[in-house]
C-alpha cells in the first residue's frame, strides 16, 4: 500500500510525555518532534452551526504509524493542530496496517 508509505504531506507530531507540573505531580507536556509522511483528508467542513456560529474544520491523518495521542500537538502546513481523542490503530497484516487520527485547529 504505497499510499500510506509515501503520503504527500509532511506532518510534525509532538507526542505527549509526562512532565513536572511544579507541584510534585505530572502533566502532559510536548515530547521530541517526529516527522511523518502522511495522507491528510478533510473529515468535516466549516458550515454554519447553531445560531450562525462556524463549526471548526477537522481533518483525518492517515499514516503507517502515528506516535500521537490526546493532547499531542501537530504542525501541518504552517499551522498548529490538536489531536482529538485517541489514535485509531487498524490492524491486519503488516501490508495493510495503519493508524488514523482526527486533528482540529488550535485557536
C-alpha atoms as a PDB file:
ATOM      1  CA  UNK A   1       0.000   0.000   0.000  1.00  0.00           C
ATOM      2  CA  UNK A   2       2.246   2.775  -1.199  1.00  0.00           C
ATOM      3  CA  UNK A   3      -0.466   5.357  -0.473  1.00  0.00           C
ATOM      4  CA  UNK A   4       0.433   5.002   3.203  1.00  0.00           C
ATOM      5  CA  UNK A   5       4.187   4.627   2.760  1.00  0.00           C
ATOM      6  CA  UNK A   6       4.617   7.752   0.650  1.00  0.00           C
ATOM      7  CA  UNK A   7       1.969  10.215   1.811  1.00  0.00           C
ATOM      8  CA  UNK A   8       2.017  13.621   0.099  1.00  0.00           C
ATOM      9  CA  UNK A   9       2.011  15.633   3.354  1.00  0.00           C
ATOM     10  CA  UNK A  10       4.817  16.133   5.870  1.00  0.00           C
ATOM     11  CA  UNK A  11       3.351  16.293   9.379  1.00  0.00           C
ATOM     12  CA  UNK A  12       5.353  17.098  12.531  1.00  0.00           C
ATOM     13  CA  UNK A  13       3.962  15.422  15.647  1.00  0.00           C
ATOM     14  CA  UNK A  14       4.914  16.399  19.197  1.00  0.00           C
ATOM     15  CA  UNK A  15       3.859  13.360  21.262  1.00  0.00           C
ATOM     16  CA  UNK A  16       2.882  13.956  24.877  1.00  0.00           C
ATOM     17  CA  UNK A  17       5.244  12.901  27.639  1.00  0.00           C
ATOM     18  CA  UNK A  18       4.790  13.275  31.386  1.00  0.00           C
ATOM     19  CA  UNK A  19       6.437  16.463  32.663  1.00  0.00           C
ATOM     20  CA  UNK A  20       6.704  18.098  36.065  1.00  0.00           C
ATOM     21  CA  UNK A  21       3.805  20.416  36.914  1.00  0.00           C
ATOM     22  CA  UNK A  22       5.718  22.312  39.607  1.00  0.00           C
ATOM     23  CA  UNK A  23       3.562  20.919  42.421  1.00  0.00           C
ATOM     24  CA  UNK A  24       5.130  17.468  42.756  1.00  0.00           C
ATOM     25  CA  UNK A  25       2.885  15.851  40.145  1.00  0.00           C
ATOM     26  CA  UNK A  26       2.992  15.362  36.410  1.00  0.00           C
ATOM     27  CA  UNK A  27       1.098  16.802  33.473  1.00  0.00           C
ATOM     28  CA  UNK A  28       1.176  16.152  29.718  1.00  0.00           C
ATOM     29  CA  UNK A  29       3.987  18.048  28.018  1.00  0.00           C
ATOM     30  CA  UNK A  30       5.448  18.159  24.499  1.00  0.00           C
ATOM     31  CA  UNK A  31       7.980  15.480  23.583  1.00  0.00           C
ATOM     32  CA  UNK A  32      10.614  15.394  20.876  1.00  0.00           C
ATOM     33  CA  UNK A  33       9.158  16.156  17.422  1.00  0.00           C
ATOM     34  CA  UNK A  34       8.623  13.290  14.982  1.00  0.00           C
ATOM     35  CA  UNK A  35       8.201  13.920  11.250  1.00  0.00           C
ATOM     36  CA  UNK A  36       5.804  11.618   9.426  1.00  0.00           C
ATOM     37  CA  UNK A  37       4.853  11.291   5.765  1.00  0.00           C
ATOM     38  CA  UNK A  38       1.066  11.091   5.879  1.00  0.00           C
ATOM     39  CA  UNK A  39      -2.136  11.492   3.940  1.00  0.00           C
ATOM     40  CA  UNK A  40      -4.408  14.234   5.325  1.00  0.00           C
ATOM     41  CA  UNK A  41      -8.058  14.426   4.275  1.00  0.00           C
ATOM     42  CA  UNK A  42     -10.950  16.599   5.495  1.00  0.00           C
ATOM     43  CA  UNK A  43     -13.330  14.968   7.971  1.00  0.00           C
ATOM     44  CA  UNK A  44     -15.781  17.857   8.413  1.00  0.00           C
ATOM     45  CA  UNK A  45     -16.276  21.171   6.658  1.00  0.00           C
ATOM     46  CA  UNK A  46     -16.836  24.654   8.012  1.00  0.00           C
ATOM     47  CA  UNK A  47     -20.559  25.105   7.993  1.00  0.00           C
ATOM     48  CA  UNK A  48     -22.997  27.300   9.812  1.00  0.00           C
ATOM     49  CA  UNK A  49     -23.749  25.733  13.167  1.00  0.00           C
ATOM     50  CA  UNK A  50     -26.139  26.843  15.843  1.00  0.00           C
ATOM     51  CA  UNK A  51     -27.137  30.497  15.743  1.00  0.00           C
ATOM     52  CA  UNK A  52     -24.739  31.269  12.889  1.00  0.00           C
ATOM     53  CA  UNK A  53     -21.538  30.094  14.587  1.00  0.00           C
ATOM     54  CA  UNK A  54     -18.947  28.283  12.495  1.00  0.00           C
ATOM     55  CA  UNK A  55     -18.042  24.762  13.465  1.00  0.00           C
ATOM     56  CA  UNK A  56     -14.284  24.086  13.291  1.00  0.00           C
ATOM     57  CA  UNK A  57     -12.851  22.121  10.403  1.00  0.00           C
ATOM     58  CA  UNK A  58     -11.394  18.759  11.314  1.00  0.00           C
ATOM     59  CA  UNK A  59      -9.046  16.578   9.296  1.00  0.00           C
ATOM     60  CA  UNK A  60      -8.084  12.894   9.404  1.00  0.00           C
ATOM     61  CA  UNK A  61      -4.394  11.989   9.295  1.00  0.00           C
ATOM     62  CA  UNK A  62      -3.529   8.537   7.909  1.00  0.00           C
ATOM     63  CA  UNK A  63      -0.039   7.019   8.214  1.00  0.00           C
ATOM     64  CA  UNK A  64       1.688   3.703   8.880  1.00  0.00           C
ATOM     65  CA  UNK A  65       2.420   4.791  12.433  1.00  0.00           C
ATOM     66  CA  UNK A  66       1.354   7.910  14.344  1.00  0.00           C
ATOM     67  CA  UNK A  67       3.167   8.474  17.656  1.00  0.00           C
ATOM     68  CA  UNK A  68       0.378  10.709  18.938  1.00  0.00           C
ATOM     69  CA  UNK A  69      -2.397  10.680  21.480  1.00  0.00           C
ATOM     70  CA  UNK A  70      -4.765  13.053  23.233  1.00  0.00           C
ATOM     71  CA  UNK A  71      -3.101  16.436  23.926  1.00  0.00           C
ATOM     72  CA  UNK A  72      -0.483  15.855  21.224  1.00  0.00           C
ATOM     73  CA  UNK A  73       0.423  18.848  19.110  1.00  0.00           C
ATOM     74  CA  UNK A  74       0.578  18.535  15.323  1.00  0.00           C
ATOM     75  CA  UNK A  75       2.130  21.025  12.914  1.00  0.00           C
ATOM     76  CA  UNK A  76       0.885  20.825   9.344  1.00  0.00           C
ATOM     77  CA  UNK A  77       1.101  23.433   6.569  1.00  0.00           C
ATOM     78  CA  UNK A  78       2.465  26.023   8.985  1.00  0.00           C
ATOM     79  CA  UNK A  79      -0.466  25.763  11.403  1.00  0.00           C
ATOM     80  CA  UNK A  80      -0.817  24.134  14.815  1.00  0.00           C
ATOM     81  CA  UNK A  81      -3.431  21.422  15.362  1.00  0.00           C
ATOM     82  CA  UNK A  82      -4.521  19.229  18.288  1.00  0.00           C
ATOM     83  CA  UNK A  83      -5.273  15.517  18.204  1.00  0.00           C
ATOM     84  CA  UNK A  84      -8.909  14.864  19.116  1.00  0.00           C
ATOM     85  CA  UNK A  85      -9.304  11.640  21.109  1.00  0.00           C
ATOM     86  CA  UNK A  86      -7.179   8.543  20.741  1.00  0.00           C
ATOM     87  CA  UNK A  87      -5.321   7.447  17.627  1.00  0.00           C
ATOM     88  CA  UNK A  88      -7.128   4.568  15.918  1.00  0.00           C
ATOM     89  CA  UNK A  89      -4.981   1.540  15.084  1.00  0.00           C
ATOM     90  CA  UNK A  90      -6.177  -0.575  12.168  1.00  0.00           C
ATOM     91  CA  UNK A  91      -4.513  -3.984  12.176  1.00  0.00           C
ATOM     92  CA  UNK A  92      -4.385  -6.882   9.847  1.00  0.00           C
ATOM     93  CA  UNK A  93      -1.219  -7.845   8.072  1.00  0.00           C
ATOM     94  CA  UNK A  94       1.859  -5.601   8.008  1.00  0.00           C
ATOM     95  CA  UNK A  95       0.967  -4.544   4.485  1.00  0.00           C
ATOM     96  CA  UNK A  96      -2.398  -3.057   5.364  1.00  0.00           C
ATOM     97  CA  UNK A  97      -1.957  -1.936   8.990  1.00  0.00           C
ATOM     98  CA  UNK A  98      -2.191   1.829   9.552  1.00  0.00           C
ATOM     99  CA  UNK A  99      -3.059   4.493  12.125  1.00  0.00           C
ATOM    100  CA  UNK A 100      -5.595   7.299  11.818  1.00  0.00           C
ATOM    101  CA  UNK A 101      -6.096  10.389  13.972  1.00  0.00           C
ATOM    102  CA  UNK A 102      -8.530  13.286  13.918  1.00  0.00           C
ATOM    103  CA  UNK A 103      -6.996  16.747  14.241  1.00  0.00           C
ATOM    104  CA  UNK A 104      -8.629  20.112  14.934  1.00  0.00           C
ATOM    105  CA  UNK A 105      -7.046  23.550  14.529  1.00  0.00           C
ATOM    106  CA  UNK A 106      -5.951  25.205  17.765  1.00  0.00           C
ATOM    107  CA  UNK A 107      -7.325  28.645  18.434  1.00  0.00           C
END
